[in-house]
């Protein structure tokens, strides 16, 4: 994908950072509950303005394209908004809007995920997690080709689900 899309950055982070967020009913939300799903995670921090709005519009096009394929049941889009924003109202069954909770903000959570990138100062970012929960890639900014993201998601949907590592198996026993 990196050869086709310069806004794409491959990553290979086994366990992405924790998200301190709540769902629409105020309950803590854990990305682990989306195990088996490809997750497209985006952030809409206060003050981001036009770049975040443009990226959210682009991600809506990606959702529309995914939702007319069999992938619709394999992909979940998660948008992180500031606490009290109410966030984007779900327009699709595979869109979840969560809010920053406790002492976190959407900006601090976005920064935590931005640390996974080797690129400096490119914002906003859309993070893609594979079906095993591994952080697989980042689409930078708001000018990436939406079809390239759809193709990347399609590739992940056709890949074998990764086998859990030793730490994952131990944590699974504890849960």
N, C-alpha and C. Protein backbone atom coordinates (compact mmCIF):
# COMPACT_ATOMS: atom_id res chain seq x y z
N UNK A 1 0.83 -1.19 0.00
CA UNK A 1 0.00 0.00 0.00
C UNK A 1 0.87 1.26 0.00
N UNK A 2 2.00 1.20 0.70
CA UNK A 2 2.85 2.39 0.79
C UNK A 2 3.34 2.83 -0.59
N UNK A 3 3.50 1.89 -1.53
CA UNK A 3 3.93 2.25 -2.88
C UNK A 3 2.83 2.97 -3.66
N UNK A 4 1.57 2.69 -3.33
CA UNK A 4 0.43 3.28 -4.03
C UNK A 4 -0.07 4.57 -3.37
N UNK A 5 0.10 4.65 -2.06
CA UNK A 5 -0.50 5.75 -1.29
C UNK A 5 0.56 6.38 -0.39
N UNK A 6 1.01 7.57 -0.75
CA UNK A 6 2.07 8.19 0.05
C UNK A 6 1.58 8.64 1.42
N UNK A 7 0.27 8.76 1.61
CA UNK A 7 -0.27 9.13 2.92
C UNK A 7 -0.38 7.93 3.86
N UNK A 8 -0.01 6.74 3.37
CA UNK A 8 -0.10 5.53 4.17
C UNK A 8 1.24 5.21 4.81
N UNK A 9 1.18 4.76 6.06
CA UNK A 9 2.37 4.30 6.77
C UNK A 9 2.05 2.95 7.41
N UNK A 10 2.81 1.94 7.05
CA UNK A 10 2.63 0.62 7.67
C UNK A 10 3.23 0.64 9.07
N UNK A 11 2.56 -0.02 9.98
CA UNK A 11 3.08 -0.17 11.34
C UNK A 11 2.93 -1.64 11.72
N UNK A 12 3.55 -2.02 12.78
CA UNK A 12 3.42 -3.40 13.25
C UNK A 12 3.51 -3.39 14.77
N UNK A 13 2.50 -2.80 15.37
CA UNK A 13 2.47 -2.68 16.83
C UNK A 13 1.50 -3.74 17.35
N UNK A 14 2.00 -4.67 18.10
CA UNK A 14 1.19 -5.80 18.58
C UNK A 14 -0.02 -5.32 19.39
N UNK A 15 0.21 -4.37 20.27
CA UNK A 15 -0.84 -3.92 21.17
C UNK A 15 -0.91 -2.39 21.11
N UNK A 16 -1.99 -1.84 20.53
CA UNK A 16 -2.09 -0.38 20.46
C UNK A 16 -2.30 0.23 21.85
N UNK A 17 -2.09 1.53 21.99
CA UNK A 17 -2.29 2.18 23.29
C UNK A 17 -3.74 2.03 23.77
N UNK A 18 -3.92 2.11 25.06
CA UNK A 18 -5.26 2.05 25.64
C UNK A 18 -6.02 3.34 25.31
N UNK A 19 -7.31 3.19 25.15
CA UNK A 19 -8.18 4.35 24.93
C UNK A 19 -9.00 4.56 26.19
N UNK A 20 -8.95 5.76 26.75
CA UNK A 20 -9.76 6.08 27.91
C UNK A 20 -11.00 6.81 27.40
N UNK A 21 -12.00 6.02 26.97
CA UNK A 21 -13.21 6.57 26.34
C UNK A 21 -14.46 5.88 26.89
N UNK A 22 -15.59 6.54 26.66
CA UNK A 22 -16.88 5.97 27.03
C UNK A 22 -17.78 5.99 25.79
N UNK A 23 -18.74 5.06 25.78
CA UNK A 23 -19.68 5.01 24.66
C UNK A 23 -20.82 5.98 24.91
N UNK A 24 -21.81 5.98 24.04
CA UNK A 24 -22.93 6.91 24.12
C UNK A 24 -23.74 6.81 25.40
N UNK A 25 -23.69 5.65 26.07
CA UNK A 25 -24.43 5.51 27.32
C UNK A 25 -23.58 5.80 28.54
N UNK A 26 -22.34 6.27 28.32
CA UNK A 26 -21.46 6.61 29.44
C UNK A 26 -20.67 5.44 29.99
N UNK A 27 -20.79 4.27 29.35
CA UNK A 27 -20.07 3.08 29.81
C UNK A 27 -18.67 3.06 29.19
N UNK A 28 -17.67 2.58 29.95
CA UNK A 28 -16.32 2.46 29.38
C UNK A 28 -16.34 1.61 28.11
N UNK A 29 -15.58 2.04 27.14
CA UNK A 29 -15.51 1.33 25.86
C UNK A 29 -14.11 0.77 25.69
N UNK A 30 -14.01 -0.51 25.38
CA UNK A 30 -12.73 -1.18 25.20
C UNK A 30 -12.64 -1.69 23.76
N UNK A 31 -11.56 -1.33 23.06
CA UNK A 31 -11.37 -1.81 21.70
C UNK A 31 -11.34 -3.34 21.63
N UNK A 32 -10.98 -3.97 22.74
CA UNK A 32 -10.93 -5.43 22.79
C UNK A 32 -12.28 -6.08 22.50
N UNK A 33 -13.35 -5.35 22.72
CA UNK A 33 -14.67 -5.93 22.44
C UNK A 33 -14.93 -6.04 20.95
N UNK A 34 -14.06 -5.43 20.14
CA UNK A 34 -14.19 -5.51 18.69
C UNK A 34 -13.25 -6.57 18.12
N UNK A 35 -12.82 -7.51 18.96
CA UNK A 35 -11.95 -8.59 18.52
C UNK A 35 -12.59 -9.31 17.34
N UNK A 36 -11.79 -9.58 16.34
CA UNK A 36 -12.30 -10.22 15.13
C UNK A 36 -12.73 -9.24 14.06
N UNK A 37 -12.76 -7.95 14.41
CA UNK A 37 -13.14 -6.89 13.48
C UNK A 37 -11.90 -6.12 13.03
N UNK A 38 -11.94 -5.60 11.83
CA UNK A 38 -10.97 -4.60 11.40
C UNK A 38 -11.52 -3.28 11.93
N UNK A 39 -10.68 -2.50 12.59
CA UNK A 39 -11.13 -1.24 13.20
C UNK A 39 -10.41 -0.07 12.53
N UNK A 40 -11.19 0.91 12.11
CA UNK A 40 -10.65 2.16 11.60
C UNK A 40 -10.93 3.21 12.67
N UNK A 41 -9.87 3.69 13.30
CA UNK A 41 -9.98 4.58 14.45
C UNK A 41 -9.56 5.99 14.05
N UNK A 42 -10.43 6.96 14.31
CA UNK A 42 -10.12 8.35 14.00
C UNK A 42 -10.41 9.22 15.21
N UNK A 43 -9.85 10.42 15.19
CA UNK A 43 -9.98 11.35 16.31
C UNK A 43 -10.47 12.69 15.80
N UNK A 44 -11.33 13.34 16.59
CA UNK A 44 -11.83 14.68 16.26
C UNK A 44 -11.62 15.59 17.47
N UNK A 45 -10.34 15.94 17.75
CA UNK A 45 -10.07 16.79 18.91
C UNK A 45 -10.57 18.21 18.70
N UNK A 46 -10.90 18.84 19.82
CA UNK A 46 -11.34 20.23 19.78
C UNK A 46 -10.25 21.08 19.14
N UNK A 47 -10.66 21.95 18.26
CA UNK A 47 -9.71 22.85 17.63
C UNK A 47 -9.04 22.31 16.38
N UNK A 48 -9.33 21.08 16.01
CA UNK A 48 -8.72 20.51 14.81
C UNK A 48 -9.29 21.16 13.55
N UNK A 49 -10.57 21.48 13.60
CA UNK A 49 -11.19 22.24 12.52
C UNK A 49 -11.30 21.53 11.19
N UNK A 50 -10.98 22.27 10.13
CA UNK A 50 -11.19 21.80 8.76
C UNK A 50 -10.47 20.49 8.44
N UNK A 51 -9.21 20.27 8.87
CA UNK A 51 -8.57 19.00 8.53
C UNK A 51 -9.32 17.78 9.08
N UNK A 52 -9.79 17.87 10.32
CA UNK A 52 -10.54 16.74 10.90
C UNK A 52 -11.89 16.57 10.23
N UNK A 53 -12.55 17.68 9.93
CA UNK A 53 -13.84 17.60 9.24
C UNK A 53 -13.67 16.97 7.86
N UNK A 54 -12.61 17.35 7.16
CA UNK A 54 -12.35 16.77 5.83
C UNK A 54 -12.03 15.28 5.94
N UNK A 55 -11.24 14.90 6.97
CA UNK A 55 -10.93 13.49 7.13
C UNK A 55 -12.19 12.69 7.48
N UNK A 56 -13.05 13.22 8.35
CA UNK A 56 -14.28 12.51 8.70
C UNK A 56 -15.18 12.33 7.46
N UNK A 57 -15.21 13.34 6.59
CA UNK A 57 -15.99 13.22 5.35
C UNK A 57 -15.40 12.13 4.44
N UNK A 58 -14.07 12.08 4.39
CA UNK A 58 -13.39 11.05 3.60
C UNK A 58 -13.66 9.66 4.17
N UNK A 59 -13.62 9.55 5.49
CA UNK A 59 -13.91 8.26 6.14
C UNK A 59 -15.37 7.84 5.92
N UNK A 60 -16.27 8.81 5.81
CA UNK A 60 -17.68 8.49 5.50
C UNK A 60 -17.76 7.86 4.11
N UNK A 61 -16.95 8.35 3.16
CA UNK A 61 -16.92 7.74 1.82
C UNK A 61 -16.36 6.33 1.89
N UNK A 62 -15.35 6.12 2.73
CA UNK A 62 -14.79 4.77 2.91
C UNK A 62 -15.87 3.84 3.47
N UNK A 63 -16.60 4.32 4.50
CA UNK A 63 -17.69 3.51 5.09
C UNK A 63 -18.72 3.14 4.04
N UNK A 64 -19.13 4.12 3.23
CA UNK A 64 -20.12 3.86 2.18
C UNK A 64 -19.62 2.78 1.23
N UNK A 65 -18.36 2.86 0.83
CA UNK A 65 -17.80 1.87 -0.09
C UNK A 65 -17.70 0.49 0.56
N UNK A 66 -17.29 0.45 1.83
CA UNK A 66 -17.19 -0.82 2.55
C UNK A 66 -18.58 -1.43 2.74
N UNK A 67 -19.56 -0.58 3.02
CA UNK A 67 -20.89 -1.08 3.37
C UNK A 67 -21.69 -1.64 2.20
N UNK A 68 -21.19 -1.52 0.99
CA UNK A 68 -21.86 -2.15 -0.15
C UNK A 68 -21.16 -3.45 -0.55
N UNK A 69 -20.27 -3.93 0.33
CA UNK A 69 -19.53 -5.16 0.09
C UNK A 69 -19.76 -6.12 1.26
N UNK A 70 -19.36 -7.36 1.10
CA UNK A 70 -19.44 -8.30 2.24
C UNK A 70 -18.56 -7.90 3.42
N UNK A 71 -17.63 -6.94 3.21
CA UNK A 71 -16.76 -6.50 4.31
C UNK A 71 -17.51 -5.75 5.40
N UNK A 72 -18.71 -5.28 5.11
CA UNK A 72 -19.44 -4.43 6.05
C UNK A 72 -19.59 -5.08 7.43
N UNK A 73 -19.65 -6.40 7.48
CA UNK A 73 -19.79 -7.10 8.75
C UNK A 73 -18.44 -7.35 9.43
N UNK A 74 -17.35 -7.00 8.76
CA UNK A 74 -16.01 -7.26 9.29
C UNK A 74 -15.27 -6.00 9.72
N UNK A 75 -15.88 -4.82 9.46
CA UNK A 75 -15.18 -3.56 9.70
C UNK A 75 -16.02 -2.66 10.60
N UNK A 76 -15.38 -2.09 11.61
CA UNK A 76 -16.03 -1.13 12.49
C UNK A 76 -15.22 0.16 12.49
N UNK A 77 -15.91 1.27 12.34
CA UNK A 77 -15.29 2.58 12.38
C UNK A 77 -15.56 3.17 13.76
N UNK A 78 -14.50 3.64 14.42
CA UNK A 78 -14.62 4.24 15.75
C UNK A 78 -14.11 5.67 15.66
N UNK A 79 -14.96 6.63 16.00
CA UNK A 79 -14.58 8.05 16.01
C UNK A 79 -14.52 8.52 17.45
N UNK A 80 -13.40 9.12 17.85
CA UNK A 80 -13.21 9.62 19.21
C UNK A 80 -13.41 11.13 19.21
N UNK A 81 -14.40 11.58 20.00
CA UNK A 81 -14.72 13.00 20.12
C UNK A 81 -14.38 13.48 21.53
N UNK A 82 -14.40 14.78 21.71
CA UNK A 82 -14.20 15.36 23.04
C UNK A 82 -15.38 15.02 23.93
N UNK A 83 -15.16 14.93 25.22
CA UNK A 83 -16.24 14.70 26.17
C UNK A 83 -17.26 15.81 26.05
N UNK A 84 -18.52 15.45 26.01
CA UNK A 84 -19.60 16.43 25.93
C UNK A 84 -19.94 16.88 24.52
N UNK A 85 -19.12 16.48 23.53
CA UNK A 85 -19.38 16.86 22.15
C UNK A 85 -20.60 16.14 21.58
N UNK A 86 -20.86 14.96 22.11
CA UNK A 86 -21.93 14.16 21.55
C UNK A 86 -21.46 13.46 20.29
N UNK A 87 -20.44 14.00 19.65
CA UNK A 87 -19.84 13.36 18.50
C UNK A 87 -20.78 13.22 17.33
N UNK A 88 -20.30 12.57 16.31
CA UNK A 88 -21.06 12.32 15.09
C UNK A 88 -22.13 11.28 15.39
N UNK A 89 -23.31 11.52 14.94
CA UNK A 89 -24.37 10.54 15.12
C UNK A 89 -24.17 9.40 14.13
N UNK A 90 -24.20 8.16 14.59
CA UNK A 90 -23.95 7.05 13.68
C UNK A 90 -24.88 7.06 12.47
N UNK A 91 -24.26 7.05 11.28
CA UNK A 91 -25.02 7.00 10.03
C UNK A 91 -24.99 5.59 9.48
N UNK A 92 -24.21 4.73 10.10
CA UNK A 92 -24.09 3.35 9.65
C UNK A 92 -24.02 2.45 10.87
N UNK A 93 -24.45 1.21 10.70
CA UNK A 93 -24.44 0.29 11.83
C UNK A 93 -23.03 -0.04 12.28
N UNK A 94 -22.04 0.18 11.43
CA UNK A 94 -20.66 -0.13 11.81
C UNK A 94 -19.85 1.12 12.18
N UNK A 95 -20.54 2.16 12.67
CA UNK A 95 -19.88 3.36 13.17
C UNK A 95 -20.20 3.52 14.65
N UNK A 96 -19.15 3.64 15.44
CA UNK A 96 -19.31 3.86 16.88
C UNK A 96 -18.62 5.18 17.22
N UNK A 97 -19.34 6.08 17.84
CA UNK A 97 -18.75 7.33 18.30
C UNK A 97 -18.56 7.23 19.81
N UNK A 98 -17.35 7.48 20.26
CA UNK A 98 -17.03 7.44 21.68
C UNK A 98 -16.48 8.79 22.08
N UNK A 99 -16.47 9.05 23.38
CA UNK A 99 -15.98 10.32 23.90
C UNK A 99 -14.83 10.08 24.87
N UNK A 100 -13.89 11.02 24.89
CA UNK A 100 -12.81 10.96 25.87
C UNK A 100 -13.42 11.00 27.26
N UNK A 101 -12.81 10.30 28.20
CA UNK A 101 -13.34 10.25 29.56
C UNK A 101 -12.25 10.56 30.57
N UNK A 102 -12.68 10.70 31.80
CA UNK A 102 -11.78 10.99 32.93
C UNK A 102 -10.92 12.21 32.62
N UNK A 103 -9.62 12.08 32.76
CA UNK A 103 -8.73 13.22 32.55
C UNK A 103 -8.19 13.29 31.13
N UNK A 104 -8.68 12.43 30.26
CA UNK A 104 -8.17 12.44 28.89
C UNK A 104 -8.99 13.37 28.01
N UNK A 105 -8.41 13.71 26.88
CA UNK A 105 -9.10 14.49 25.86
C UNK A 105 -8.90 13.76 24.54
N UNK A 106 -9.71 14.09 23.56
CA UNK A 106 -9.51 13.49 22.24
C UNK A 106 -8.12 13.83 21.72
N UNK A 107 -7.64 15.04 22.02
CA UNK A 107 -6.31 15.46 21.57
C UNK A 107 -5.21 14.63 22.24
N UNK A 108 -5.33 14.36 23.55
CA UNK A 108 -4.30 13.56 24.22
C UNK A 108 -4.32 12.12 23.75
N UNK A 109 -5.52 11.60 23.46
CA UNK A 109 -5.61 10.23 22.94
C UNK A 109 -5.05 10.17 21.51
N UNK A 110 -5.34 11.18 20.70
CA UNK A 110 -4.79 11.23 19.34
C UNK A 110 -3.26 11.29 19.40
N UNK A 111 -2.72 12.05 20.34
CA UNK A 111 -1.26 12.16 20.48
C UNK A 111 -0.64 10.83 20.88
N UNK A 112 -1.33 10.09 21.75
CA UNK A 112 -0.83 8.78 22.16
C UNK A 112 -0.71 7.85 20.95
N UNK A 113 -1.72 7.88 20.07
CA UNK A 113 -1.67 7.06 18.87
C UNK A 113 -0.69 7.63 17.84
N UNK A 114 -0.54 8.95 17.79
CA UNK A 114 0.40 9.57 16.85
C UNK A 114 1.83 9.15 17.17
N UNK A 115 2.10 8.81 18.41
CA UNK A 115 3.44 8.35 18.79
C UNK A 115 3.82 7.05 18.08
N UNK A 116 2.85 6.34 17.52
CA UNK A 116 3.13 5.10 16.79
C UNK A 116 3.71 5.38 15.41
N UNK A 117 3.62 6.63 14.97
CA UNK A 117 4.08 7.01 13.64
C UNK A 117 5.54 7.45 13.67
N UNK A 118 6.23 7.17 12.59
CA UNK A 118 7.61 7.66 12.45
C UNK A 118 7.63 9.01 11.73
N UNK A 119 6.47 9.47 11.28
CA UNK A 119 6.38 10.76 10.58
C UNK A 119 6.07 11.85 11.59
N UNK A 120 6.61 13.01 11.35
CA UNK A 120 6.43 14.13 12.27
C UNK A 120 5.34 15.08 11.77
N UNK A 121 4.49 15.54 12.69
CA UNK A 121 3.59 16.64 12.46
C UNK A 121 2.50 16.47 11.42
N UNK A 122 2.14 15.26 11.05
CA UNK A 122 1.06 15.08 10.08
C UNK A 122 -0.20 14.72 10.86
N UNK A 123 -1.19 15.56 10.71
CA UNK A 123 -2.43 15.36 11.47
C UNK A 123 -3.58 15.73 10.55
N UNK A 124 -4.72 15.17 10.70
CA UNK A 124 -5.11 14.08 11.58
C UNK A 124 -4.68 12.72 11.01
N UNK A 125 -4.84 11.69 11.82
CA UNK A 125 -4.47 10.35 11.42
C UNK A 125 -5.66 9.42 11.59
N UNK A 126 -5.79 8.48 10.66
CA UNK A 126 -6.78 7.40 10.79
C UNK A 126 -5.98 6.11 10.96
N UNK A 127 -6.19 5.43 12.07
CA UNK A 127 -5.43 4.23 12.43
C UNK A 127 -6.25 2.99 12.09
N UNK A 128 -5.57 1.98 11.54
CA UNK A 128 -6.25 0.75 11.15
C UNK A 128 -5.69 -0.39 12.00
N UNK A 129 -6.59 -1.10 12.66
CA UNK A 129 -6.23 -2.28 13.45
C UNK A 129 -6.76 -3.51 12.73
N UNK A 130 -5.94 -4.56 12.66
CA UNK A 130 -6.38 -5.76 11.97
C UNK A 130 -7.30 -6.59 12.86
N UNK A 131 -7.77 -7.70 12.34
CA UNK A 131 -8.76 -8.52 13.07
C UNK A 131 -8.20 -9.13 14.35
N UNK A 132 -6.90 -9.15 14.51
CA UNK A 132 -6.29 -9.63 15.73
C UNK A 132 -6.02 -8.53 16.74
N UNK A 133 -6.42 -7.28 16.42
CA UNK A 133 -6.22 -6.15 17.32
C UNK A 133 -4.85 -5.49 17.18
N UNK A 134 -4.05 -5.94 16.21
CA UNK A 134 -2.72 -5.37 15.98
C UNK A 134 -2.87 -4.06 15.20
N UNK A 135 -2.11 -3.06 15.60
CA UNK A 135 -2.09 -1.77 14.87
C UNK A 135 -1.33 -2.01 13.58
N UNK A 136 -2.04 -1.96 12.44
CA UNK A 136 -1.45 -2.36 11.17
C UNK A 136 -1.00 -1.20 10.30
N UNK A 137 -1.67 -0.03 10.40
CA UNK A 137 -1.29 1.07 9.52
C UNK A 137 -1.95 2.37 9.90
N UNK A 138 -1.43 3.44 9.31
CA UNK A 138 -1.94 4.79 9.54
C UNK A 138 -2.15 5.46 8.19
N UNK A 139 -3.30 6.08 8.02
CA UNK A 139 -3.55 6.94 6.88
C UNK A 139 -3.46 8.38 7.39
N UNK A 140 -2.49 9.12 6.86
CA UNK A 140 -2.20 10.46 7.35
C UNK A 140 -2.99 11.53 6.60
N UNK A 141 -3.44 12.53 7.34
CA UNK A 141 -4.07 13.69 6.74
C UNK A 141 -5.47 13.42 6.20
N UNK A 142 -5.86 14.30 5.29
CA UNK A 142 -7.22 14.20 4.76
C UNK A 142 -7.22 14.10 3.24
N UNK A 143 -6.06 13.79 2.66
CA UNK A 143 -5.99 13.75 1.21
C UNK A 143 -5.65 12.37 0.66
N UNK A 144 -5.73 11.32 1.50
CA UNK A 144 -5.45 9.99 0.98
C UNK A 144 -6.61 9.55 0.08
N UNK A 145 -6.30 8.66 -0.83
CA UNK A 145 -7.33 8.15 -1.71
C UNK A 145 -8.25 7.21 -0.95
N UNK A 146 -9.52 7.55 -0.86
CA UNK A 146 -10.44 6.72 -0.08
C UNK A 146 -10.46 5.30 -0.63
N UNK A 147 -10.31 5.14 -1.95
CA UNK A 147 -10.34 3.80 -2.53
C UNK A 147 -9.11 3.01 -2.09
N UNK A 148 -7.98 3.68 -1.86
CA UNK A 148 -6.80 2.98 -1.37
C UNK A 148 -7.04 2.43 0.03
N UNK A 149 -7.78 3.18 0.86
CA UNK A 149 -8.10 2.65 2.18
C UNK A 149 -9.04 1.45 2.06
N UNK A 150 -9.99 1.53 1.15
CA UNK A 150 -10.91 0.40 0.95
C UNK A 150 -10.12 -0.83 0.50
N UNK A 151 -9.17 -0.65 -0.42
CA UNK A 151 -8.34 -1.77 -0.87
C UNK A 151 -7.51 -2.33 0.27
N UNK A 152 -6.98 -1.45 1.13
CA UNK A 152 -6.18 -1.92 2.27
C UNK A 152 -7.06 -2.73 3.23
N UNK A 153 -8.24 -2.22 3.53
CA UNK A 153 -9.17 -2.94 4.40
C UNK A 153 -9.52 -4.29 3.77
N UNK A 154 -9.75 -4.30 2.46
CA UNK A 154 -10.06 -5.55 1.78
C UNK A 154 -8.93 -6.56 1.94
N UNK A 155 -7.70 -6.09 1.81
CA UNK A 155 -6.56 -6.98 2.01
C UNK A 155 -6.52 -7.55 3.41
N UNK A 156 -6.81 -6.71 4.40
CA UNK A 156 -6.84 -7.20 5.79
C UNK A 156 -7.99 -8.17 6.02
N UNK A 157 -9.11 -7.95 5.34
CA UNK A 157 -10.26 -8.84 5.53
C UNK A 157 -10.00 -10.22 4.94
N UNK A 158 -9.11 -10.30 3.94
CA UNK A 158 -8.80 -11.58 3.31
C UNK A 158 -7.62 -12.28 3.96
N UNK A 159 -6.89 -11.58 4.82
CA UNK A 159 -5.73 -12.17 5.49
C UNK A 159 -6.19 -13.09 6.61
N UNK A 160 -5.41 -14.13 6.85
CA UNK A 160 -5.70 -15.01 7.98
C UNK A 160 -5.60 -14.21 9.26
N UNK A 161 -6.50 -14.47 10.16
CA UNK A 161 -6.44 -13.80 11.47
C UNK A 161 -5.18 -14.27 12.19
N UNK A 162 -4.37 -13.32 12.70
CA UNK A 162 -3.12 -13.72 13.34
C UNK A 162 -3.35 -14.54 14.59
N UNK A 163 -2.46 -15.49 14.80
CA UNK A 163 -2.52 -16.31 16.02
C UNK A 163 -2.11 -15.45 17.21
N UNK A 164 -2.81 -15.58 18.34
CA UNK A 164 -2.42 -14.80 19.52
C UNK A 164 -1.05 -15.24 20.03
N UNK A 165 -0.27 -14.27 20.49
CA UNK A 165 1.03 -14.57 21.08
C UNK A 165 0.86 -15.07 22.50
N UNK A 166 1.97 -15.42 23.12
CA UNK A 166 1.95 -15.94 24.48
C UNK A 166 1.29 -14.97 25.44
N UNK A 167 1.66 -13.68 25.36
CA UNK A 167 1.08 -12.67 26.25
C UNK A 167 -0.43 -12.58 26.05
N UNK A 168 -0.87 -12.61 24.79
CA UNK A 168 -2.31 -12.56 24.51
C UNK A 168 -3.05 -13.75 25.12
N UNK A 169 -2.44 -14.92 25.03
CA UNK A 169 -3.08 -16.13 25.60
C UNK A 169 -3.16 -16.04 27.12
N UNK A 170 -2.09 -15.54 27.76
CA UNK A 170 -2.08 -15.40 29.22
C UNK A 170 -3.13 -14.38 29.64
N UNK A 171 -3.18 -13.24 28.96
CA UNK A 171 -4.18 -12.22 29.29
C UNK A 171 -5.60 -12.75 29.06
N UNK A 172 -5.78 -13.57 28.04
CA UNK A 172 -7.09 -14.17 27.78
C UNK A 172 -7.53 -15.08 28.92
N UNK A 173 -6.59 -15.79 29.54
CA UNK A 173 -6.91 -16.64 30.68
C UNK A 173 -7.33 -15.83 31.89
N UNK A 174 -6.71 -14.67 32.06
CA UNK A 174 -6.99 -13.79 33.19
C UNK A 174 -8.38 -13.17 33.05
N UNK A 175 -8.74 -12.80 31.82
CA UNK A 175 -10.03 -12.17 31.59
C UNK A 175 -11.09 -13.17 31.80
